[in-house]
Amino acid sequence: MMDPFTLRRIESIMDGYIHQKVPGDLRVSIRLKHEIVDNQLTLAEERATSLRNEWVRVDIVQFRLESQKWNVYAKNGENTWSFVEIITPSEDFERQLEQVEIDQDGLFWKS
């Protein structure tokens, strides 16, 4: 489990990131959500369906705090995640989020 200070810090970082990532006028049809369970954070995209009040969720990335470092995982199939070797584990969560945002290899943000 993350300590309360780290948890609040990560929540604040993610709230700011999501607010900047999705423009206000698009929030009625697309939204980003994050979910923290134990020592892992999953970032997902949700898109509105044609049915009222229904959203389809697609997981984008998972950050795992392992041995005091944040590791990045990409979705590899329906229920499996693969460690992203090109992103070196780091104690700095913001650095890892930045690497996902840059996404030079197109692992996370599909065009």
PDB file of N, CA and C in Angstrom:
ATOM      1  N   MET A   1       0.827  -1.197   0.000  1.00  0.00           N
ATOM      2  CA  MET A   1       0.000   0.000   0.000  1.00  0.00           C
ATOM      3  C   MET A   1       0.867   1.255   0.000  1.00  0.00           C
ATOM      4  N   MET A   2       0.396   2.259  -0.702  1.00  0.00           N
ATOM      5  CA  MET A   2       1.071   3.550  -0.695  1.00  0.00           C
ATOM      6  C   MET A   2       0.754   4.269   0.615  1.00  0.00           C
ATOM      7  N   ASP A   3       1.723   5.018   1.113  1.00  0.00           N
ATOM      8  CA  ASP A   3       1.462   5.806   2.310  1.00  0.00           C
ATOM      9  C   ASP A   3       0.503   6.943   1.940  1.00  0.00           C
ATOM     10  N   PRO A   4      -0.220   7.496   2.925  1.00  0.00           N
ATOM     11  CA  PRO A   4      -1.221   8.534   2.639  1.00  0.00           C
ATOM     12  C   PRO A   4      -0.658   9.755   1.897  1.00  0.00           C
ATOM     13  N   PHE A   5       0.556  10.193   2.234  1.00  0.00           N
ATOM     14  CA  PHE A   5       1.152  11.345   1.572  1.00  0.00           C
ATOM     15  C   PHE A   5       1.366  11.053   0.084  1.00  0.00           C
ATOM     16  N   THR A   6       1.957   9.901  -0.230  1.00  0.00           N
ATOM     17  CA  THR A   6       2.202   9.520  -1.625  1.00  0.00           C
ATOM     18  C   THR A   6       0.886   9.389  -2.373  1.00  0.00           C
ATOM     19  N   LEU A   7      -0.097   8.791  -1.750  1.00  0.00           N
ATOM     20  CA  LEU A   7      -1.401   8.621  -2.380  1.00  0.00           C
ATOM     21  C   LEU A   7      -2.017   9.973  -2.735  1.00  0.00           C
ATOM     22  N   ARG A   8      -2.004  10.913  -1.803  1.00  0.00           N
ATOM     23  CA  ARG A   8      -2.559  12.258  -2.079  1.00  0.00           C
ATOM     24  C   ARG A   8      -1.774  12.962  -3.182  1.00  0.00           C
ATOM     25  N   ARG A   9      -0.454  12.811  -3.154  1.00  0.00           N
ATOM     26  CA  ARG A   9       0.392  13.442  -4.168  1.00  0.00           C
ATOM     27  C   ARG A   9       0.082  12.891  -5.557  1.00  0.00           C
ATOM     28  N   ILE A  10      -0.020  11.577  -5.671  1.00  0.00           N
ATOM     29  CA  ILE A  10      -0.312  10.936  -6.959  1.00  0.00           C
ATOM     30  C   ILE A  10      -1.707  11.330  -7.446  1.00  0.00           C
ATOM     31  N   GLU A  11      -2.683  11.355  -6.538  1.00  0.00           N
ATOM     32  CA  GLU A  11      -4.046  11.777  -6.902  1.00  0.00           C
ATOM     33  C   GLU A  11      -4.027  13.198  -7.464  1.00  0.00           C
ATOM     34  N   SER A  12      -3.296  14.094  -6.823  1.00  0.00           N
ATOM     35  CA  SER A  12      -3.210  15.481  -7.269  1.00  0.00           C
ATOM     36  C   SER A  12      -2.548  15.577  -8.646  1.00  0.00           C
ATOM     37  N   ILE A  13      -1.465  14.851  -8.845  1.00  0.00           N
ATOM     38  CA  ILE A  13      -0.787  14.844 -10.148  1.00  0.00           C
ATOM     39  C   ILE A  13      -1.732  14.348 -11.235  1.00  0.00           C
ATOM     40  N   MET A  14      -2.427  13.253 -10.968  1.00  0.00           N
ATOM     41  CA  MET A  14      -3.312  12.672 -11.982  1.00  0.00           C
ATOM     42  C   MET A  14      -4.512  13.571 -12.275  1.00  0.00           C
ATOM     43  N   ASP A  15      -5.066  14.192 -11.246  1.00  0.00           N
ATOM     44  CA  ASP A  15      -6.192  15.105 -11.469  1.00  0.00           C
ATOM     45  C   ASP A  15      -5.777  16.255 -12.386  1.00  0.00           C
ATOM     46  N   GLY A  16      -4.600  16.827 -12.132  1.00  0.00           N
ATOM     47  CA  GLY A  16      -4.100  17.915 -12.979  1.00  0.00           C
ATOM     48  C   GLY A  16      -3.812  17.449 -14.394  1.00  0.00           C
ATOM     49  N   TYR A  17      -3.209  16.283 -14.523  1.00  0.00           N
ATOM     50  CA  TYR A  17      -2.883  15.722 -15.840  1.00  0.00           C
ATOM     51  C   TYR A  17      -4.149  15.493 -16.658  1.00  0.00           C
ATOM     52  N   ILE A  18      -5.133  14.862 -16.052  1.00  0.00           N
ATOM     53  CA  ILE A  18      -6.381  14.557 -16.756  1.00  0.00           C
ATOM     54  C   ILE A  18      -7.094  15.840 -17.153  1.00  0.00           C
ATOM     55  N   HIS A  19      -7.101  16.821 -16.274  1.00  0.00           N
ATOM     56  CA  HIS A  19      -7.754  18.098 -16.578  1.00  0.00           C
ATOM     57  C   HIS A  19      -7.122  18.765 -17.803  1.00  0.00           C
ATOM     58  N   GLN A  20      -5.803  18.685 -17.925  1.00  0.00           N
ATOM     59  CA  GLN A  20      -5.117  19.299 -19.064  1.00  0.00           C
ATOM     60  C   GLN A  20      -5.201  18.440 -20.323  1.00  0.00           C
ATOM     61  N   LYS A  21      -5.264  17.150 -20.177  1.00  0.00           N
ATOM     62  CA  LYS A  21      -5.210  16.235 -21.326  1.00  0.00           C
ATOM     63  C   LYS A  21      -6.493  16.266 -22.152  1.00  0.00           C
ATOM     64  N   VAL A  22      -7.634  16.371 -21.494  1.00  0.00           N
ATOM     65  CA  VAL A  22      -8.916  16.335 -22.204  1.00  0.00           C
ATOM     66  C   VAL A  22      -9.534  17.727 -22.195  1.00  0.00           C
ATOM     67  N   PRO A  23      -9.638  18.366 -23.373  1.00  0.00           N
ATOM     68  CA  PRO A  23     -10.246  19.696 -23.449  1.00  0.00           C
ATOM     69  C   PRO A  23     -11.696  19.679 -22.943  1.00  0.00           C
ATOM     70  N   GLY A  24     -12.112  20.765 -22.337  1.00  0.00           N
ATOM     71  CA  GLY A  24     -13.444  20.863 -21.745  1.00  0.00           C
ATOM     72  C   GLY A  24     -14.581  20.502 -22.679  1.00  0.00           C
ATOM     73  N   ASP A  25     -14.495  20.927 -23.938  1.00  0.00           N
ATOM     74  CA  ASP A  25     -15.586  20.662 -24.877  1.00  0.00           C
ATOM     75  C   ASP A  25     -15.681  19.189 -25.284  1.00  0.00           C
ATOM     76  N   LEU A  26     -14.640  18.411 -25.031  1.00  0.00           N
ATOM     77  CA  LEU A  26     -14.678  16.973 -25.375  1.00  0.00           C
ATOM     78  C   LEU A  26     -15.102  16.088 -24.209  1.00  0.00           C
ATOM     79  N   ARG A  27     -15.203  16.649 -23.023  1.00  0.00           N
ATOM     80  CA  ARG A  27     -15.473  15.848 -21.823  1.00  0.00           C
ATOM     81  C   ARG A  27     -16.863  15.222 -21.795  1.00  0.00           C
ATOM     82  N   VAL A  28     -17.750  15.648 -22.678  1.00  0.00           N
ATOM     83  CA  VAL A  28     -19.068  15.014 -22.738  1.00  0.00           C
ATOM     84  C   VAL A  28     -19.020  13.689 -23.500  1.00  0.00           C
ATOM     85  N   SER A  29     -17.952  13.491 -24.297  1.00  0.00           N
ATOM     86  CA  SER A  29     -17.871  12.266 -25.083  1.00  0.00           C
ATOM     87  C   SER A  29     -16.649  11.406 -24.780  1.00  0.00           C
ATOM     88  N   ILE A  30     -15.653  11.988 -24.116  1.00  0.00           N
ATOM     89  CA  ILE A  30     -14.441  11.234 -23.781  1.00  0.00           C
ATOM     90  C   ILE A  30     -13.929  11.712 -22.426  1.00  0.00           C
ATOM     91  N   ARG A  31     -13.449  10.760 -21.658  1.00  0.00           N
ATOM     92  CA  ARG A  31     -12.873  11.137 -20.371  1.00  0.00           C
ATOM     93  C   ARG A  31     -11.774  10.147 -19.997  1.00  0.00           C
ATOM     94  N   LEU A  32     -10.841  10.641 -19.222  1.00  0.00           N
ATOM     95  CA  LEU A  32      -9.787   9.804 -18.674  1.00  0.00           C
ATOM     96  C   LEU A  32     -10.097   9.585 -17.203  1.00  0.00           C
ATOM     97  N   LYS A  33      -9.835   8.382 -16.746  1.00  0.00           N
ATOM     98  CA  LYS A  33     -10.052   8.026 -15.351  1.00  0.00           C
ATOM     99  C   LYS A  33      -8.818   7.311 -14.842  1.00  0.00           C
ATOM    100  N   HIS A  34      -8.549   7.458 -13.574  1.00  0.00           N
ATOM    101  CA  HIS A  34      -7.471   6.674 -12.978  1.00  0.00           C
ATOM    102  C   HIS A  34      -8.018   5.955 -11.755  1.00  0.00           C
ATOM    103  N   GLU A  35      -7.425   4.807 -11.508  1.00  0.00           N
ATOM    104  CA  GLU A  35      -7.862   3.977 -10.396  1.00  0.00           C
ATOM    105  C   GLU A  35      -6.613   3.460  -9.678  1.00  0.00           C
ATOM    106  N   ILE A  36      -6.584   3.639  -8.377  1.00  0.00           N
ATOM    107  CA  ILE A  36      -5.453   3.170  -7.588  1.00  0.00           C
ATOM    108  C   ILE A  36      -5.906   2.005  -6.724  1.00  0.00           C
ATOM    109  N   VAL A  37      -5.206   0.891  -6.861  1.00  0.00           N
ATOM    110  CA  VAL A  37      -5.439  -0.292  -6.037  1.00  0.00           C
ATOM    111  C   VAL A  37      -4.084  -0.741  -5.510  1.00  0.00           C
ATOM    112  N   ASP A  38      -3.954  -0.744  -4.200  1.00  0.00           N
ATOM    113  CA  ASP A  38      -2.693  -1.086  -3.544  1.00  0.00           C
ATOM    114  C   ASP A  38      -1.565  -0.210  -4.098  1.00  0.00           C
ATOM    115  N   ASN A  39      -0.571  -0.811  -4.742  1.00  0.00           N
ATOM    116  CA  ASN A  39       0.572  -0.060  -5.261  1.00  0.00           C
ATOM    117  C   ASN A  39       0.545   0.087  -6.770  1.00  0.00           C
ATOM    118  N   GLN A  40      -0.629   0.045  -7.362  1.00  0.00           N
ATOM    119  CA  GLN A  40      -0.693   0.236  -8.809  1.00  0.00           C
ATOM    120  C   GLN A  40      -1.798   1.207  -9.194  1.00  0.00           C
ATOM    121  N   LEU A  41      -1.486   1.974 -10.210  1.00  0.00           N
ATOM    122  CA  LEU A  41      -2.421   2.959 -10.741  1.00  0.00           C
ATOM    123  C   LEU A  41      -2.679   2.617 -12.198  1.00  0.00           C
ATOM    124  N   THR A  42      -3.954   2.516 -12.550  1.00  0.00           N
ATOM    125  CA  THR A  42      -4.341   2.247 -13.933  1.00  0.00           C
ATOM    126  C   THR A  42      -5.011   3.494 -14.496  1.00  0.00           C
ATOM    127  N   LEU A  43      -4.531   3.934 -15.656  1.00  0.00           N
ATOM    128  CA  LEU A  43      -5.126   5.055 -16.377  1.00  0.00           C
ATOM    129  C   LEU A  43      -5.937   4.474 -17.527  1.00  0.00           C
ATOM    130  N   ALA A  44      -7.189   4.905 -17.630  1.00  0.00           N
ATOM    131  CA  ALA A  44      -8.081   4.382 -18.659  1.00  0.00           C
ATOM    132  C   ALA A  44      -8.800   5.523 -19.367  1.00  0.00           C
ATOM    133  N   GLU A  45      -9.176   5.246 -20.602  1.00  0.00           N
ATOM    134  CA  GLU A  45      -9.981   6.175 -21.384  1.00  0.00           C
ATOM    135  C   GLU A  45     -11.395   5.622 -21.443  1.00  0.00           C
ATOM    136  N   GLU A  46     -12.372   6.501 -21.290  1.00  0.00           N
ATOM    137  CA  GLU A  46     -13.769   6.116 -21.431  1.00  0.00           C
ATOM    138  C   GLU A  46     -14.391   6.969 -22.513  1.00  0.00           C
ATOM    139  N   ARG A  47     -15.140   6.310 -23.373  1.00  0.00           N
ATOM    140  CA  ARG A  47     -15.850   7.017 -24.449  1.00  0.00           C
ATOM    141  C   ARG A  47     -17.342   6.748 -24.333  1.00  0.00           C
ATOM    142  N   ALA A  48     -18.119   7.789 -24.578  1.00  0.00           N
ATOM    143  CA  ALA A  48     -19.572   7.663 -24.522  1.00  0.00           C
ATOM    144  C   ALA A  48     -20.051   6.773 -25.655  1.00  0.00           C
ATOM    145  N   THR A  49     -21.051   5.959 -25.371  1.00  0.00           N
ATOM    146  CA  THR A  49     -21.668   5.124 -26.405  1.00  0.00           C
ATOM    147  C   THR A  49     -22.936   5.816 -26.894  1.00  0.00           C
ATOM    148  N   SER A  50     -23.590   5.214 -27.861  1.00  0.00           N
ATOM    149  CA  SER A  50     -24.837   5.785 -28.367  1.00  0.00           C
ATOM    150  C   SER A  50     -25.978   5.589 -27.368  1.00  0.00           C
ATOM    151  N   LEU A  51     -25.770   4.693 -26.405  1.00  0.00           N
ATOM    152  CA  LEU A  51     -26.771   4.492 -25.366  1.00  0.00           C
ATOM    153  C   LEU A  51     -26.592   5.524 -24.271  1.00  0.00           C
ATOM    154  N   ARG A  52     -27.668   6.007 -23.771  1.00  0.00           N
ATOM    155  CA  ARG A  52     -27.630   7.073 -22.773  1.00  0.00           C
ATOM    156  C   ARG A  52     -26.889   6.630 -21.505  1.00  0.00           C
ATOM    157  N   ASN A  53     -25.989   7.468 -21.053  1.00  0.00           N
ATOM    158  CA  ASN A  53     -25.249   7.265 -19.806  1.00  0.00           C
ATOM    159  C   ASN A  53     -24.387   6.005 -19.776  1.00  0.00           C
ATOM    160  N   GLU A  54     -23.970   5.494 -20.920  1.00  0.00           N
ATOM    161  CA  GLU A  54     -23.075   4.345 -20.937  1.00  0.00           C
ATOM    162  C   GLU A  54     -21.741   4.747 -21.534  1.00  0.00           C
ATOM    163  N   TRP A  55     -20.691   4.198 -20.951  1.00  0.00           N
ATOM    164  CA  TRP A  55     -19.329   4.489 -21.370  1.00  0.00           C
ATOM    165  C   TRP A  55     -18.595   3.184 -21.596  1.00  0.00           C
ATOM    166  N   VAL A  56     -17.698   3.187 -22.586  1.00  0.00           N
ATOM    167  CA  VAL A  56     -16.847   2.036 -22.860  1.00  0.00           C
ATOM    168  C   VAL A  56     -15.445   2.388 -22.359  1.00  0.00           C
ATOM    169  N   ARG A  57     -14.884   1.491 -21.556  1.00  0.00           N
ATOM    170  CA  ARG A  57     -13.573   1.740 -20.946  1.00  0.00           C
ATOM    171  C   ARG A  57     -12.489   0.948 -21.681  1.00  0.00           C
ATOM    172  N   VAL A  58     -11.367   1.647 -21.933  1.00  0.00           N
ATOM    173  CA  VAL A  58     -10.183   1.009 -22.504  1.00  0.00           C
ATOM    174  C   VAL A  58      -9.005   1.393 -21.615  1.00  0.00           C
ATOM    175  N   ASP A  59      -8.374   0.398 -21.012  1.00  0.00           N
ATOM    176  CA  ASP A  59      -7.200   0.662 -20.188  1.00  0.00           C
ATOM    177  C   ASP A  59      -6.042   1.090 -21.076  1.00  0.00           C
ATOM    178  N   ILE A  60      -5.289   2.095 -20.623  1.00  0.00           N
ATOM    179  CA  ILE A  60      -4.189   2.652 -21.411  1.00  0.00           C
ATOM    180  C   ILE A  60      -2.838   2.217 -20.869  1.00  0.00           C
ATOM    181  N   VAL A  61      -2.627   2.438 -19.589  1.00  0.00           N
ATOM    182  CA  VAL A  61      -1.309   2.197 -18.979  1.00  0.00           C
ATOM    183  C   VAL A  61      -1.496   1.857 -17.511  1.00  0.00           C
ATOM    184  N   GLN A  62      -0.530   1.121 -16.998  1.00  0.00           N
ATOM    185  CA  GLN A  62      -0.535   0.826 -15.574  1.00  0.00           C
ATOM    186  C   GLN A  62       0.840   1.168 -14.994  1.00  0.00           C
ATOM    187  N   PHE A  63       0.821   1.885 -13.890  1.00  0.00           N
ATOM    188  CA  PHE A  63       2.035   2.240 -13.162  1.00  0.00           C
ATOM    189  C   PHE A  63       2.043   1.400 -11.885  1.00  0.00           C
ATOM    190  N   ARG A  64       3.143   0.731 -11.622  1.00  0.00           N
ATOM    191  CA  ARG A  64       3.244  -0.086 -10.420  1.00  0.00           C
ATOM    192  C   ARG A  64       4.443   0.345  -9.594  1.00  0.00           C
ATOM    193  N   LEU A  65       4.196   0.588  -8.315  1.00  0.00           N
ATOM    194  CA  LEU A  65       5.265   0.932  -7.393  1.00  0.00           C
ATOM    195  C   LEU A  65       5.832  -0.373  -6.844  1.00  0.00           C
ATOM    196  N   GLU A  66       7.017  -0.733  -7.348  1.00  0.00           N
ATOM    197  CA  GLU A  66       7.664  -1.991  -6.990  1.00  0.00           C
ATOM    198  C   GLU A  66       9.089  -1.703  -6.537  1.00  0.00           C
ATOM    199  N   SER A  67       9.438  -2.151  -5.352  1.00  0.00           N
ATOM    200  CA  SER A  67      10.777  -1.909  -4.793  1.00  0.00           C
ATOM    201  C   SER A  67      11.135  -0.420  -4.814  1.00  0.00           C
ATOM    202  N   GLN A  68      10.183   0.403  -4.419  1.00  0.00           N
ATOM    203  CA  GLN A  68      10.363   1.857  -4.302  1.00  0.00           C
ATOM    204  C   GLN A  68      10.558   2.571  -5.638  1.00  0.00           C
ATOM    205  N   LYS A  69      10.273   1.894  -6.748  1.00  0.00           N
ATOM    206  CA  LYS A  69      10.373   2.519  -8.067  1.00  0.00           C
ATOM    207  C   LYS A  69       9.090   2.270  -8.848  1.00  0.00           C
ATOM    208  N   TRP A  70       8.754   3.272  -9.677  1.00  0.00           N
ATOM    209  CA  TRP A  70       7.579   3.153 -10.530  1.00  0.00           C
ATOM    210  C   TRP A  70       7.965   2.438 -11.822  1.00  0.00           C
ATOM    211  N   ASN A  71       7.259   1.344 -12.102  1.00  0.00           N
ATOM    212  CA  ASN A  71       7.432   0.592 -13.340  1.00  0.00           C
ATOM    213  C   ASN A  71       6.202   0.832 -14.203  1.00  0.00           C
ATOM    214  N   VAL A  72       6.397   0.849 -15.503  1.00  0.00           N
ATOM    215  CA  VAL A  72       5.314   1.124 -16.440  1.00  0.00           C
ATOM    216  C   VAL A  72       4.967  -0.163 -17.192  1.00  0.00           C
ATOM    217  N   TYR A  73       3.655  -0.418 -17.307  1.00  0.00           N
ATOM    218  CA  TYR A  73       3.152  -1.604 -17.989  1.00  0.00           C
ATOM    219  C   TYR A  73       2.153  -1.185 -19.066  1.00  0.00           C
ATOM    220  N   ALA A  74       2.221  -1.873 -20.205  1.00  0.00           N
ATOM    221  CA  ALA A  74       1.284  -1.637 -21.309  1.00  0.00           C
ATOM    222  C   ALA A  74       0.318  -2.810 -21.394  1.00  0.00           C
ATOM    223  N   LYS A  75      -0.873  -2.542 -21.839  1.00  0.00           N
ATOM    224  CA  LYS A  75      -1.891  -3.587 -21.992  1.00  0.00           C
ATOM    225  C   LYS A  75      -1.453  -4.541 -23.088  1.00  0.00           C
ATOM    226  N   ASN A  76      -1.522  -5.820 -22.779  1.00  0.00           N
ATOM    227  CA  ASN A  76      -1.099  -6.865 -23.716  1.00  0.00           C
ATOM    228  C   ASN A  76      -2.186  -7.925 -23.747  1.00  0.00           C
ATOM    229  N   GLY A  77      -3.280  -7.609 -24.395  1.00  0.00           N
ATOM    230  CA  GLY A  77      -4.407  -8.529 -24.411  1.00  0.00           C
ATOM    231  C   GLY A  77      -5.489  -8.069 -23.452  1.00  0.00           C
ATOM    232  N   GLU A  78      -6.510  -8.868 -23.309  1.00  0.00           N
ATOM    233  CA  GLU A  78      -7.686  -8.493 -22.524  1.00  0.00           C
ATOM    234  C   GLU A  78      -7.368  -8.249 -21.041  1.00  0.00           C
ATOM    235  N   ASN A  79      -6.684  -9.174 -20.407  1.00  0.00           N
ATOM    236  CA  ASN A  79      -6.456  -9.054 -18.965  1.00  0.00           C
ATOM    237  C   ASN A  79      -4.998  -9.138 -18.563  1.00  0.00           C
ATOM    238  N   THR A  80      -4.087  -8.909 -19.483  1.00  0.00           N
ATOM    239  CA  THR A  80      -2.676  -9.029 -19.149  1.00  0.00           C
ATOM    240  C   THR A  80      -1.930  -7.726 -19.435  1.00  0.00           C
ATOM    241  N   TRP A  81      -0.869  -7.522 -18.678  1.00  0.00           N
ATOM    242  CA  TRP A  81      -0.029  -6.343 -18.804  1.00  0.00           C
ATOM    243  C   TRP A  81       1.396  -6.795 -19.010  1.00  0.00           C
ATOM    244  N   SER A  82       2.152  -6.050 -19.800  1.00  0.00           N
ATOM    245  CA  SER A  82       3.562  -6.346 -20.034  1.00  0.00           C
ATOM    246  C   SER A  82       4.415  -5.172 -19.585  1.00  0.00           C
ATOM    247  N   PHE A  83       5.501  -5.479 -18.905  1.00  0.00           N
ATOM    248  CA  PHE A  83       6.454  -4.474 -18.467  1.00  0.00           C
ATOM    249  C   PHE A  83       7.054  -3.785 -19.693  1.00  0.00           C
ATOM    250  N   VAL A  84       7.094  -2.450 -19.682  1.00  0.00           N
ATOM    251  CA  VAL A  84       7.639  -1.670 -20.788  1.00  0.00           C
ATOM    252  C   VAL A  84       9.132  -1.450 -20.513  1.00  0.00           C
ATOM    253  N   GLU A  85       9.952  -2.222 -21.199  1.00  0.00           N
ATOM    254  CA  GLU A  85      11.400  -2.199 -20.950  1.00  0.00           C
ATOM    255  C   GLU A  85      12.066  -0.901 -21.380  1.00  0.00           C
ATOM    256  N   ILE A  86      11.489  -0.191 -22.353  1.00  0.00           N
ATOM    257  CA  ILE A  86      12.121   1.032 -22.839  1.00  0.00           C
ATOM    258  C   ILE A  86      11.947   2.211 -21.875  1.00  0.00           C
ATOM    259  N   ILE A  87      11.111   2.039 -20.841  1.00  0.00           N
ATOM    260  CA  ILE A  87      10.954   3.071 -19.809  1.00  0.00           C
ATOM    261  C   ILE A  87      11.582   2.523 -18.530  1.00  0.00           C
ATOM    262  N   THR A  88      12.730   3.050 -18.195  1.00  0.00           N
ATOM    263  CA  THR A  88      13.490   2.595 -17.032  1.00  0.00           C
ATOM    264  C   THR A  88      12.719   2.880 -15.745  1.00  0.00           C
ATOM    265  N   PRO A  89      12.623   1.918 -14.833  1.00  0.00           N
ATOM    266  CA  PRO A  89      11.965   2.172 -13.542  1.00  0.00           C
ATOM    267  C   PRO A  89      12.577   3.401 -12.857  1.00  0.00           C
ATOM    268  N   SER A  90      11.723   4.163 -12.178  1.00  0.00           N
ATOM    269  CA  SER A  90      12.181   5.403 -11.547  1.00  0.00           C
ATOM    270  C   SER A  90      11.408   5.651 -10.255  1.00  0.00           C
ATOM    271  N   GLU A  91      12.053   6.301  -9.309  1.00  0.00           N
ATOM    272  CA  GLU A  91      11.392   6.711  -8.080  1.00  0.00           C
ATOM    273  C   GLU A  91      10.448   7.886  -8.323  1.00  0.00           C
ATOM    274  N   ASP A  92      10.589   8.559  -9.455  1.00  0.00           N
ATOM    275  CA  ASP A  92       9.841   9.771  -9.775  1.00  0.00           C
ATOM    276  C   ASP A  92       8.614   9.424 -10.630  1.00  0.00           C
ATOM    277  N   PHE A  93       7.434   9.452 -10.003  1.00  0.00           N
ATOM    278  CA  PHE A  93       6.202   9.128 -10.725  1.00  0.00           C
ATOM    279  C   PHE A  93       5.969  10.078 -11.900  1.00  0.00           C
ATOM    280  N   GLU A  94       6.215  11.363 -11.688  1.00  0.00           N
ATOM    281  CA  GLU A  94       5.979  12.346 -12.746  1.00  0.00           C
ATOM    282  C   GLU A  94       6.842  12.069 -13.976  1.00  0.00           C
ATOM    283  N   ARG A  95       8.046  11.605 -13.774  1.00  0.00           N
ATOM    284  CA  ARG A  95       8.921  11.236 -14.895  1.00  0.00           C
ATOM    285  C   ARG A  95       8.290  10.095 -15.691  1.00  0.00           C
ATOM    286  N   GLN A  96       7.722   9.137 -15.013  1.00  0.00           N
ATOM    287  CA  GLN A  96       7.107   7.998 -15.694  1.00  0.00           C
ATOM    288  C   GLN A  96       5.867   8.437 -16.479  1.00  0.00           C
ATOM    289  N   LEU A  97       5.078   9.300 -15.874  1.00  0.00           N
ATOM    290  CA  LEU A  97       3.898   9.825 -16.562  1.00  0.00           C
ATOM    291  C   LEU A  97       4.316  10.609 -17.806  1.00  0.00           C
ATOM    292  N   GLU A  98       5.381  11.372 -17.688  1.00  0.00           N
ATOM    293  CA  GLU A  98       5.904  12.135 -18.833  1.00  0.00           C
ATOM    294  C   GLU A  98       6.348  11.198 -19.959  1.00  0.00           C
ATOM    295  N   GLN A  99       6.984  10.100 -19.622  1.00  0.00           N
ATOM    296  CA  GLN A  99       7.423   9.132 -20.635  1.00  0.00           C
ATOM    297  C   GLN A  99       6.227   8.515 -21.360  1.00  0.00           C
ATOM    298  N   VAL A 100       5.168   8.255 -20.627  1.00  0.00           N
ATOM    299  CA  VAL A 100       3.944   7.731 -21.246  1.00  0.00           C
ATOM    300  C   VAL A 100       3.332   8.787 -22.162  1.00  0.00           C
ATOM    301  N   GLU A 101       3.336  10.025 -21.736  1.00  0.00           N
ATOM    302  CA  GLU A 101       2.788  11.116 -22.556  1.00  0.00           C
ATOM    303  C   GLU A 101       3.574  11.274 -23.846  1.00  0.00           C
ATOM    304  N   ILE A 102       4.889  11.193 -23.769  1.00  0.00           N
ATOM    305  CA  ILE A 102       5.732  11.305 -24.968  1.00  0.00           C
ATOM    306  C   ILE A 102       5.442  10.147 -25.919  1.00  0.00           C
ATOM    307  N   ASP A 103       5.394   8.933 -25.403  1.00  0.00           N
ATOM    308  CA  ASP A 103       5.000   7.718 -26.133  1.00  0.00           C
ATOM    309  C   ASP A 103       5.588   7.623 -27.543  1.00  0.00           C
ATOM    310  N   GLN A 104       6.900   7.654 -27.635  1.00  0.00           N
ATOM    311  CA  GLN A 104       7.569   7.625 -28.927  1.00  0.00           C
ATOM    312  C   GLN A 104       7.274   6.368 -29.743  1.00  0.00           C
ATOM    313  N   ASP A 105       6.950   5.263 -29.082  1.00  0.00           N
ATOM    314  CA  ASP A 105       6.724   4.007 -29.801  1.00  0.00           C
ATOM    315  C   ASP A 105       5.238   3.697 -30.021  1.00  0.00           C
ATOM    316  N   GLY A 106       4.353   4.605 -29.640  1.00  0.00           N
ATOM    317  CA  GLY A 106       2.927   4.388 -29.865  1.00  0.00           C
ATOM    318  C   GLY A 106       2.335   3.240 -29.058  1.00  0.00           C
ATOM    319  N   LEU A 107       2.847   3.014 -27.881  1.00  0.00           N
ATOM    320  CA  LEU A 107       2.339   1.928 -27.040  1.00  0.00           C
ATOM    321  C   LEU A 107       1.039   2.283 -26.326  1.00  0.00           C
ATOM    322  N   PHE A 108       0.843   3.553 -26.050  1.00  0.00           N
ATOM    323  CA  PHE A 108      -0.265   3.950 -25.196  1.00  0.00           C
ATOM    324  C   PHE A 108      -1.332   4.779 -25.901  1.00  0.00           C
ATOM    325  N   TRP A 109      -0.911   5.755 -26.674  1.00  0.00           N
ATOM    326  CA  TRP A 109      -1.847   6.671 -27.320  1.00  0.00           C
ATOM    327  C   TRP A 109      -1.956   6.316 -28.802  1.00  0.00           C
ATOM    328  N   LYS A 110      -3.043   5.679 -29.140  1.00  0.00           N
ATOM    329  CA  LYS A 110      -3.272   5.280 -30.537  1.00  0.00           C
ATOM    330  C   LYS A 110      -3.826   6.456 -31.326  1.00  0.00           C
ATOM    331  N   SER A 111      -3.327   6.623 -32.517  1.00  0.00           N
ATOM    332  CA  SER A 111      -3.789   7.734 -33.372  1.00  0.00           C
ATOM    333  C   SER A 111      -5.068   7.381 -34.085  1.00  0.00           C
TER     334      SER A 111
END
